[in-house]
Amino acid sequence: MNENDSFRKFQFTTHQIKSYLNNAFRDLRIAKESSIKEVKFSFSYNALLKSGIALISGVKGMKVRSVPGHHIAILKTMSEILKDDSIFAVGNAMRMKRNTDLYSGGIFISEKETNDYYNFVEETFKKIKNILSTKRQK
């Protein structure tokens, strides 16, 4: 599978990009408010992906396609746009934990680990929000 298969050119409106970002923020808020660490982890991961979708649509004008490997492609592209390799490293670790939980009978995730992931996603979200709001002002 070629990474380019995960995206296609698309002309987004400002409203559509804003909707993607708001959707990511909603998941981030659910993660923040949850006292259940598995819920916090799951919604943090979803917020990371959704904020990545907003970033890619806003900066590259590319729509994510639901094909095998598209989560990896989102994380790699986010890392490239933000020039931050930790986004792929941490995001991929989250993806693998999520897959183990989903397909291999569950995982143990500590409170500290969950909070660290949440904080990482929150900081990444802030960077993306800043980039997209700066881009809209131009």
Foldseek 3Di string as FASTA:
>chain_A
DDLPVFKDAADDDLVVLVVLLVVLVVLLVQLVPDPDLVSVLVSLLVSLLSLLQSLCCQPVNIHGDPDPPNQLSSQVVLCVVVVHPVSNVLSVVSVVQVCCCVPPVHDDDDPVRSVVSSVVSVVSSVVSVVVNVVSVVD
